[in-house]
Amino acid sequence: MKTSNYVKDLREETVASLQEQLVAAKKELFNLRFQNATNQLDNTGRIKEVRRNIARIQTIITEKAKLS
């Protein structure tokens, strides 16, 4: 399954790397929303996917912070 592999990869990353991925994902979400507002976005499901990835990244960052 694609999601479980993505989460496994995230868990192996460092907190600094996760922070960078979080910033990149938030920028991507902003761009997707902008494209959607201007009717340039073809795949609107990508917005939902990116939002969930942001939540996954934030969850793993929180888990790592609690373990430290």
C-alpha atoms as a PDB file:
ATOM      1  CA  MET A   1       0.000   0.000   0.000  1.00  0.00           C
ATOM      2  CA  LYS A   2       1.316   3.416  -0.964  1.00  0.00           C
ATOM      3  CA  THR A   3       0.384   5.254   2.240  1.00  0.00           C
ATOM      4  CA  SER A   4       2.063   2.802   4.596  1.00  0.00           C
ATOM      5  CA  ASN A   5       5.303   3.025   2.627  1.00  0.00           C
ATOM      6  CA  TYR A   6       5.135   6.818   2.739  1.00  0.00           C
ATOM      7  CA  VAL A   7       4.668   6.776   6.522  1.00  0.00           C
ATOM      8  CA  LYS A   8       7.549   4.315   6.959  1.00  0.00           C
ATOM      9  CA  ASP A   9       9.793   6.630   4.959  1.00  0.00           C
ATOM     10  CA  LEU A  10       8.712   9.608   7.048  1.00  0.00           C
ATOM     11  CA  ARG A  11       9.463   7.813  10.307  1.00  0.00           C
ATOM     12  CA  GLU A  12      13.057   7.237   9.151  1.00  0.00           C
ATOM     13  CA  GLU A  13      13.627  10.957   8.503  1.00  0.00           C
ATOM     14  CA  THR A  14      15.130  13.399  10.987  1.00  0.00           C
ATOM     15  CA  VAL A  15      13.039  16.180  12.532  1.00  0.00           C
ATOM     16  CA  ALA A  16      14.893  18.823  10.512  1.00  0.00           C
ATOM     17  CA  SER A  17      14.173  16.953   7.293  1.00  0.00           C
ATOM     18  CA  LEU A  18      10.528  16.583   8.276  1.00  0.00           C
ATOM     19  CA  GLN A  19      10.315  20.320   8.920  1.00  0.00           C
ATOM     20  CA  GLU A  20      11.646  20.990   5.415  1.00  0.00           C
ATOM     21  CA  GLN A  21       9.119  18.584   3.904  1.00  0.00           C
ATOM     22  CA  LEU A  22       6.355  20.284   5.892  1.00  0.00           C
ATOM     23  CA  VAL A  23       7.277  23.697   4.510  1.00  0.00           C
ATOM     24  CA  ALA A  24       7.407  22.304   0.976  1.00  0.00           C
ATOM     25  CA  ALA A  25       4.023  20.614   1.381  1.00  0.00           C
ATOM     26  CA  LYS A  26       2.441  23.814   2.702  1.00  0.00           C
ATOM     27  CA  LYS A  27       3.806  25.738  -0.284  1.00  0.00           C
ATOM     28  CA  GLU A  28       2.414  23.102  -2.615  1.00  0.00           C
ATOM     29  CA  LEU A  29      -0.981  23.328  -0.901  1.00  0.00           C
ATOM     30  CA  PHE A  30      -0.973  27.104  -1.305  1.00  0.00           C
ATOM     31  CA  ASN A  31      -0.187  26.778  -5.015  1.00  0.00           C
ATOM     32  CA  LEU A  32      -2.877  24.141  -5.489  1.00  0.00           C
ATOM     33  CA  ARG A  33      -5.469  26.337  -3.798  1.00  0.00           C
ATOM     34  CA  PHE A  34      -4.434  29.262  -5.953  1.00  0.00           C
ATOM     35  CA  GLN A  35      -4.735  27.161  -9.115  1.00  0.00           C
ATOM     36  CA  ASN A  36      -8.130  25.905  -7.962  1.00  0.00           C
ATOM     37  CA  ALA A  37      -9.377  29.441  -7.394  1.00  0.00           C
ATOM     38  CA  THR A  38      -8.321  30.455 -10.906  1.00  0.00           C
ATOM     39  CA  ASN A  39      -9.806  27.287 -12.464  1.00  0.00           C
ATOM     40  CA  GLN A  40      -6.415  26.004 -13.618  1.00  0.00           C
ATOM     41  CA  LEU A  41      -6.374  22.876 -11.445  1.00  0.00           C
ATOM     42  CA  ASP A  42      -7.290  19.633 -13.186  1.00  0.00           C
ATOM     43  CA  ASN A  43      -6.889  17.167 -10.309  1.00  0.00           C
ATOM     44  CA  THR A  44      -8.715  18.621  -7.303  1.00  0.00           C
ATOM     45  CA  GLY A  45      -8.133  15.408  -5.344  1.00  0.00           C
ATOM     46  CA  ARG A  46      -4.491  16.434  -5.015  1.00  0.00           C
ATOM     47  CA  ILE A  47      -5.520  19.121  -2.495  1.00  0.00           C
ATOM     48  CA  LYS A  48      -6.970  16.476  -0.182  1.00  0.00           C
ATOM     49  CA  GLU A  49      -3.889  14.289  -0.588  1.00  0.00           C
ATOM     50  CA  VAL A  50      -1.486  17.122   0.261  1.00  0.00           C
ATOM     51  CA  ARG A  51      -3.564  18.131   3.299  1.00  0.00           C
ATOM     52  CA  ARG A  52      -3.399  14.578   4.613  1.00  0.00           C
ATOM     53  CA  ASN A  53       0.353  14.401   3.975  1.00  0.00           C
ATOM     54  CA  ILE A  54       0.796  17.620   5.966  1.00  0.00           C
ATOM     55  CA  ALA A  55      -1.146  16.060   8.846  1.00  0.00           C
ATOM     56  CA  ARG A  56       0.974  12.896   8.658  1.00  0.00           C
ATOM     57  CA  ILE A  57       4.201  14.891   8.758  1.00  0.00           C
ATOM     58  CA  GLN A  58       2.995  16.975  11.713  1.00  0.00           C
ATOM     59  CA  THR A  59       1.934  13.832  13.579  1.00  0.00           C
ATOM     60  CA  ILE A  60       5.338  12.208  13.168  1.00  0.00           C
ATOM     61  CA  ILE A  61       7.107  15.421  14.246  1.00  0.00           C
ATOM     62  CA  THR A  62       4.958  15.452  17.395  1.00  0.00           C
ATOM     63  CA  GLU A  63       5.685  11.785  18.085  1.00  0.00           C
ATOM     64  CA  LYS A  64       9.422  12.354  17.762  1.00  0.00           C
ATOM     65  CA  ALA A  65       9.213  15.388  20.065  1.00  0.00           C
ATOM     66  CA  LYS A  66       7.466  13.332  22.747  1.00  0.00           C
ATOM     67  CA  LEU A  67      10.103  10.594  22.538  1.00  0.00           C
ATOM     68  CA  SER A  68      12.944  13.048  23.052  1.00  0.00           C
END
